[in-house]
Protein backbone atom coordinates (compact mmCIF):
# COMPACT_ATOMS: atom_id res chain seq x y z
CA MET A 1 -34.02 -9.36 -109.90
CA THR A 2 -36.08 -12.68 -110.12
CA PRO A 3 -35.54 -14.72 -113.15
CA HIS A 4 -38.86 -13.86 -114.94
CA HIS A 5 -38.32 -10.31 -114.75
CA GLN A 6 -34.81 -10.44 -116.18
CA PRO A 7 -34.96 -8.30 -119.65
CA GLY A 8 -34.69 -10.07 -122.80
CA ARG A 9 -37.81 -12.33 -122.75
CA VAL A 10 -39.14 -12.91 -126.16
CA ALA A 11 -42.93 -11.82 -126.71
CA VAL A 12 -44.85 -12.10 -130.13
CA VAL A 13 -47.68 -9.39 -130.26
CA THR A 14 -50.45 -9.89 -132.98
CA GLY A 15 -52.28 -6.84 -134.07
CA ALA A 16 -49.29 -4.86 -133.10
CA GLY A 17 -49.84 -2.00 -135.72
CA SER A 18 -52.63 -0.23 -133.98
CA GLY A 19 -54.58 0.08 -130.68
CA ILE A 20 -54.09 -2.33 -127.69
CA GLY A 21 -51.32 -4.16 -129.65
CA ARG A 22 -49.28 -1.19 -130.48
CA ALA A 23 -49.60 -0.03 -126.88
CA VAL A 24 -48.51 -3.37 -125.46
CA ALA A 25 -45.72 -3.89 -127.65
CA ARG A 26 -44.27 -0.36 -127.07
CA LEU A 27 -44.68 -1.19 -123.26
CA MET A 28 -42.90 -4.35 -123.40
CA MET A 29 -40.07 -2.77 -125.48
CA ALA A 30 -39.50 -0.30 -122.86
CA GLU A 31 -39.54 -2.84 -120.11
CA GLY A 32 -36.77 -5.03 -121.84
CA TYR A 33 -38.71 -7.57 -123.76
CA ARG A 34 -37.61 -8.50 -127.37
CA VAL A 35 -40.85 -8.13 -129.43
CA VAL A 36 -41.96 -9.56 -132.50
CA LEU A 37 -44.75 -7.28 -134.02
CA ALA A 38 -47.04 -9.06 -136.21
CA GLY A 39 -49.85 -7.48 -138.24
CA ARG A 40 -51.04 -7.17 -141.98
CA ARG A 41 -49.52 -3.76 -142.72
CA GLU A 42 -45.71 -3.46 -142.52
CA ALA A 43 -45.70 0.40 -142.44
CA GLN A 44 -47.98 0.37 -139.26
CA LEU A 45 -45.64 -2.16 -137.64
CA LEU A 46 -42.56 -0.32 -138.47
CA GLU A 47 -44.32 3.00 -137.06
CA THR A 48 -44.87 0.79 -133.82
CA ALA A 49 -41.27 -0.35 -133.76
CA ALA A 50 -39.99 3.23 -134.04
CA GLY A 51 -36.52 1.92 -134.88
CA HIS A 52 -36.26 -0.02 -131.57
CA ALA A 53 -33.34 -2.60 -131.53
CA GLN A 54 -35.46 -4.97 -129.70
CA ALA A 55 -38.22 -5.05 -132.12
CA LEU A 56 -38.76 -7.39 -135.23
CA ALA A 57 -41.59 -6.48 -137.45
CA VAL A 58 -43.05 -9.46 -139.41
CA PRO A 59 -46.09 -8.78 -141.75
CA CYS A 60 -48.61 -11.47 -141.12
CA ASP A 61 -52.27 -12.51 -141.67
CA VAL A 62 -53.37 -14.58 -138.92
CA THR A 63 -56.01 -16.45 -140.93
CA VAL A 64 -53.23 -17.61 -143.26
CA PRO A 65 -51.41 -20.74 -141.57
CA ASP A 66 -48.38 -20.10 -143.80
CA ASP A 67 -48.16 -16.66 -142.50
CA VAL A 68 -48.35 -17.77 -138.99
CA GLU A 69 -45.74 -20.43 -139.30
CA ARG A 70 -43.42 -17.84 -140.89
CA LEU A 71 -44.14 -15.39 -137.99
CA PHE A 72 -42.99 -17.90 -135.27
CA ALA A 73 -40.06 -19.19 -137.33
CA ALA A 74 -39.02 -15.56 -137.46
CA ALA A 75 -39.32 -15.16 -133.78
CA THR A 76 -37.27 -18.31 -132.92
CA GLY A 77 -34.84 -17.72 -135.76
CA ARG A 78 -34.01 -14.21 -134.38
CA TRP A 79 -34.24 -14.94 -130.75
CA GLY A 80 -34.10 -18.67 -130.33
CA ARG A 81 -37.51 -18.93 -128.21
CA VAL A 82 -40.91 -17.48 -127.45
CA ASP A 83 -41.77 -16.68 -123.89
CA VAL A 84 -45.06 -14.66 -124.21
CA LEU A 85 -47.62 -14.63 -126.92
CA PHE A 86 -50.33 -11.70 -126.86
CA ASN A 87 -53.01 -12.95 -129.05
CA ASN A 88 -54.55 -9.47 -129.91
CA ALA A 89 -55.29 -9.63 -133.68
CA GLY A 90 -59.10 -8.92 -133.95
CA VAL A 91 -61.87 -7.28 -136.08
CA PHE A 92 -65.14 -6.10 -134.82
CA GLY A 93 -67.24 -7.57 -137.64
CA PRO A 94 -70.57 -6.82 -139.25
CA ALA A 95 -73.18 -4.87 -137.26
CA GLY A 96 -76.38 -6.70 -137.00
CA SER A 97 -78.43 -9.42 -135.26
CA VAL A 98 -78.15 -13.19 -136.43
CA ASP A 99 -80.82 -12.84 -139.01
CA GLU A 100 -79.28 -9.70 -140.52
CA ILE A 101 -75.74 -10.52 -141.11
CA SER A 102 -74.26 -12.32 -144.01
CA LEU A 103 -72.47 -15.77 -143.90
CA ALA A 104 -69.27 -14.20 -145.51
CA ASP A 105 -69.18 -11.50 -143.09
CA TRP A 106 -69.57 -14.06 -139.99
CA ASP A 107 -66.92 -16.48 -141.51
CA ALA A 108 -64.44 -13.64 -141.93
CA THR A 109 -65.14 -12.37 -138.28
CA VAL A 110 -64.69 -16.18 -137.03
CA ALA A 111 -61.28 -16.30 -139.31
CA VAL A 112 -59.64 -13.47 -137.76
CA ASN A 113 -60.92 -13.42 -134.11
CA LEU A 114 -61.11 -17.38 -133.45
CA THR A 115 -59.27 -19.43 -135.96
CA GLY A 116 -56.34 -16.83 -136.08
CA SER A 117 -55.99 -16.99 -132.42
CA MET A 118 -56.19 -20.74 -132.46
CA LEU A 119 -53.32 -20.64 -135.21
CA CYS A 120 -51.20 -18.26 -133.52
CA ALA A 121 -51.62 -20.40 -130.16
CA ALA A 122 -50.83 -23.62 -131.96
CA ALA A 123 -47.68 -22.12 -133.31
CA ALA A 124 -46.61 -20.80 -129.63
CA VAL A 125 -47.41 -23.87 -128.05
CA ARG A 126 -45.25 -25.97 -130.43
CA ALA A 127 -42.39 -23.45 -129.78
CA MET A 128 -42.76 -23.33 -126.15
CA LYS A 129 -42.68 -27.31 -125.72
CA ALA A 130 -39.64 -27.49 -127.93
CA GLN A 131 -37.42 -24.78 -126.54
CA SER A 132 -35.23 -25.06 -123.50
CA PRO A 133 -36.03 -23.95 -120.72
CA ARG A 134 -39.38 -25.22 -121.92
CA GLY A 135 -42.78 -23.37 -121.42
CA GLY A 136 -44.09 -19.92 -121.67
CA ARG A 137 -47.24 -17.85 -121.30
CA ILE A 138 -50.19 -17.18 -123.58
CA ILE A 139 -52.59 -14.10 -123.16
CA ASN A 140 -55.60 -14.02 -125.26
CA ASN A 141 -57.22 -10.70 -125.78
CA GLY A 142 -60.91 -11.23 -125.21
CA SER A 143 -63.39 -8.47 -124.64
CA ILE A 144 -66.38 -7.52 -122.25
CA ALA A 145 -68.13 -9.01 -125.15
CA ALA A 146 -66.86 -12.45 -123.65
CA HIS A 147 -69.41 -11.66 -120.86
CA SER A 148 -72.07 -9.70 -122.23
CA PRO A 149 -72.92 -8.57 -125.73
CA ARG A 150 -73.47 -4.87 -127.29
CA PRO A 151 -76.71 -4.79 -129.23
CA ARG A 152 -76.20 -5.86 -132.86
CA THR A 153 -72.63 -7.41 -132.31
CA VAL A 154 -73.60 -11.22 -132.76
CA ALA A 155 -70.52 -12.36 -134.71
CA TYR A 156 -67.92 -10.40 -132.53
CA THR A 157 -69.67 -11.51 -129.40
CA VAL A 158 -69.72 -15.23 -130.43
CA THR A 159 -65.99 -15.15 -131.10
CA LYS A 160 -65.19 -13.62 -127.75
CA HIS A 161 -67.04 -16.18 -125.89
CA ALA A 162 -65.27 -18.99 -127.98
CA MET A 163 -62.18 -17.35 -127.02
CA THR A 164 -62.64 -18.25 -123.36
CA GLY A 165 -63.04 -21.78 -124.28
CA LEU A 166 -59.81 -21.47 -126.16
CA THR A 167 -58.06 -19.91 -123.38
CA LYS A 168 -59.03 -22.41 -120.71
CA SER A 169 -58.33 -25.50 -122.90
CA ILE A 170 -54.91 -24.10 -123.70
CA GLU A 171 -54.30 -23.57 -119.95
CA LEU A 172 -55.39 -27.16 -119.08
CA ASP A 173 -53.49 -28.83 -121.84
CA GLY A 174 -50.34 -26.80 -121.31
CA ARG A 175 -49.98 -27.86 -117.83
CA GLY A 176 -47.55 -30.66 -118.31
CA PHE A 177 -45.40 -28.36 -120.33
CA GLY A 178 -44.98 -25.10 -118.13
CA ILE A 179 -47.45 -23.43 -120.54
CA THR A 180 -50.02 -21.11 -118.89
CA CYS A 181 -52.80 -19.27 -120.81
CA GLY A 182 -55.14 -16.42 -119.44
CA GLN A 183 -57.58 -14.08 -121.04
CA ILE A 184 -57.70 -10.18 -120.30
CA ASP A 185 -61.09 -8.55 -121.09
CA ILE A 186 -61.01 -5.03 -121.71
CA GLY A 187 -63.98 -2.54 -121.82
CA ASN A 188 -63.75 0.81 -123.24
CA THR A 189 -60.05 1.57 -123.70
CA ALA A 190 -59.58 4.47 -126.03
CA THR A 191 -58.65 3.10 -129.35
CA GLU A 192 -59.69 3.34 -133.05
CA LEU A 193 -62.02 0.61 -132.47
CA MET A 194 -63.90 2.48 -129.72
CA ASP A 195 -64.32 5.26 -132.05
CA THR A 196 -66.04 2.98 -134.77
CA LEU A 197 -68.25 1.84 -132.00
CA GLY A 198 -69.07 5.64 -131.13
CA VAL A 199 -68.35 4.99 -127.41
CA GLY A 200 -66.97 8.41 -127.02
CA SER A 201 -69.75 10.19 -128.97
CA GLY A 202 -72.47 7.88 -127.79
CA ALA A 203 -72.92 4.04 -128.08
CA VAL A 204 -76.29 2.25 -128.51
CA GLN A 205 -77.25 0.61 -125.23
CA ALA A 206 -79.42 -2.33 -124.68
CA ASP A 207 -82.73 -0.27 -124.39
CA GLY A 208 -82.09 1.20 -127.72
CA SER A 209 -80.83 4.79 -126.33
CA THR A 210 -77.60 6.31 -126.99
CA LYS A 211 -75.16 7.05 -124.24
CA VAL A 212 -71.63 8.53 -124.13
CA GLU A 213 -69.49 6.11 -122.23
CA PRO A 214 -66.54 6.58 -120.18
CA VAL A 215 -63.25 5.39 -121.66
CA PHE A 216 -59.72 4.89 -120.23
CA PRO A 217 -56.19 5.31 -121.65
CA VAL A 218 -54.88 2.51 -123.71
CA ASP A 219 -51.47 2.66 -122.09
CA ASP A 220 -53.32 1.60 -118.77
CA ALA A 221 -54.79 -1.43 -120.62
CA ALA A 222 -51.21 -2.27 -121.70
CA ARG A 223 -50.02 -2.25 -118.08
CA ALA A 224 -52.59 -4.95 -117.31
CA VAL A 225 -51.36 -7.09 -120.07
CA LEU A 226 -47.81 -6.47 -118.74
CA LEU A 227 -48.80 -7.51 -115.43
CA MET A 228 -50.11 -10.78 -116.70
CA ALA A 229 -46.89 -11.39 -119.04
CA GLY A 230 -44.70 -10.56 -116.03
CA MET A 231 -46.03 -13.13 -113.50
CA PRO A 232 -43.59 -15.84 -112.51
CA PRO A 233 -44.01 -19.22 -114.23
CA SER A 234 -45.46 -20.63 -111.04
CA ALA A 235 -48.50 -18.37 -111.33
CA SER A 236 -51.14 -18.14 -113.94
CA VAL A 237 -53.74 -15.28 -114.32
CA GLY A 238 -56.61 -17.07 -115.86
CA SER A 239 -58.77 -13.91 -116.26
CA LEU A 240 -58.54 -10.33 -115.85
CA VAL A 241 -61.27 -7.94 -116.54
CA VAL A 242 -60.21 -4.20 -116.82
CA THR A 243 -62.90 -1.62 -117.69
CA ALA A 244 -63.16 2.20 -117.84
CA ALA A 245 -64.58 3.18 -114.33
CA GLY A 246 -68.40 3.51 -114.52
CA MET A 247 -68.84 1.89 -117.88
CA PRO A 248 -72.51 0.48 -118.25
CA PHE A 249 -71.23 -3.14 -118.02
CA ILE A 250 -72.05 -4.22 -114.09
CA GLY A 251 -75.49 -4.19 -113.12
CA ARG A 252 -78.00 -3.01 -115.55
CA GLY A 253 -76.39 -0.28 -117.42
């Protein structure tokens, strides 16, 4: 067994109370990771943990700097280090074009999706630089919206495009410290978020029509995250795109 696959590596997963975060956290625990579960609602974190000995639930609002510092202090306090951060907490934000959304809704979306990801990455990088052995891996959850928007998703789309810049900057600046950073862009995995978009029942397309789009199981999306997390320190997966087969993303619909 190679060193990077030895059980006991420490992962912090934000947005671990539902959806992709929950699936990733549970898969990591099953694979021997010690997992710090972060999210706003403690009851849902405890549901994700399901009493697992290798789980630590830490209620955290990623938009609050003190909460983020407390999260990473809890991780290093319990297990001494942070090997992986899955920067996953996110919101879909307001539905509307740029002239239709409010500044308050825009700011709230940026606060969670972009600034929250920056705060968590910053805390993770500080921990990864200080620990011995040094280094670690950050995986940012982008979206197909980091490549191409859905109609009336301007706030969400902008934050996900910005996530790509955050990813590349962390990867570049982490080089001297053994820190790698990559982004996974997931299209149409079956989660509560997809239900709110109406993907299964019919999502609005670029031409204004409504189309039922294919979805794929969230556990398979989690396996893609685990692939990135489990790569040796000598390798960095900069970008991984995984979508439901046949979703209207490649080409023109």
